[in-house]
Amino acid sequence: MNENKLKHLEFIQGVINRMGQNSFLLKGWAVTLVAGLFAFANTQDMDYRLISIALIPTIFFWLLDGYFLWQEKLFRKLYDNVRKKADGEFIDFSMNVKPFESEVSSWISICFSNTLRLFYLPIIVVIIITIMFNYM
């Protein structure tokens, strides 16, 4: 395999790994923040307003996680494109993923993919149920 091609694939793989790591960290922060707000609000008289604040970062983390997953999919397409190049073909080390946007689902549809929906929706449902039971 061409040395330039191998180096380019390593660059792209590094970006893909960072996107996966960012997604993992976001999930950890979402759970930590929601658990912290629940613990802070869990006094004798639970304050539903404090719990409702947990909805804002949860939705924000969900959207940001969707963006990272979208970027990861775009870079996987770029990786596949570079991988398929012939060994003698010129490697320009481009990290431009714009040409692959039409081949990957939109950012919003990725936000509602099973992997993200199954993680963030239960958190949001628990927050809403807690608000409803403590407000009434």
Foldseek 3Di string as FASTA:
>chain_A
DAPLLVVLLVVLVVLLVVLVVLLVVLLVVLVVVLVVLQVVQPDPQRDLVSLVVSVVSLVVSLLVNLVSVQLSVLSVVVSVVSVPDDNVDDDPSDPDSVVCNVVGDDSVVSSVDPVSCVRRVVSVVVSVVVSVVSVD
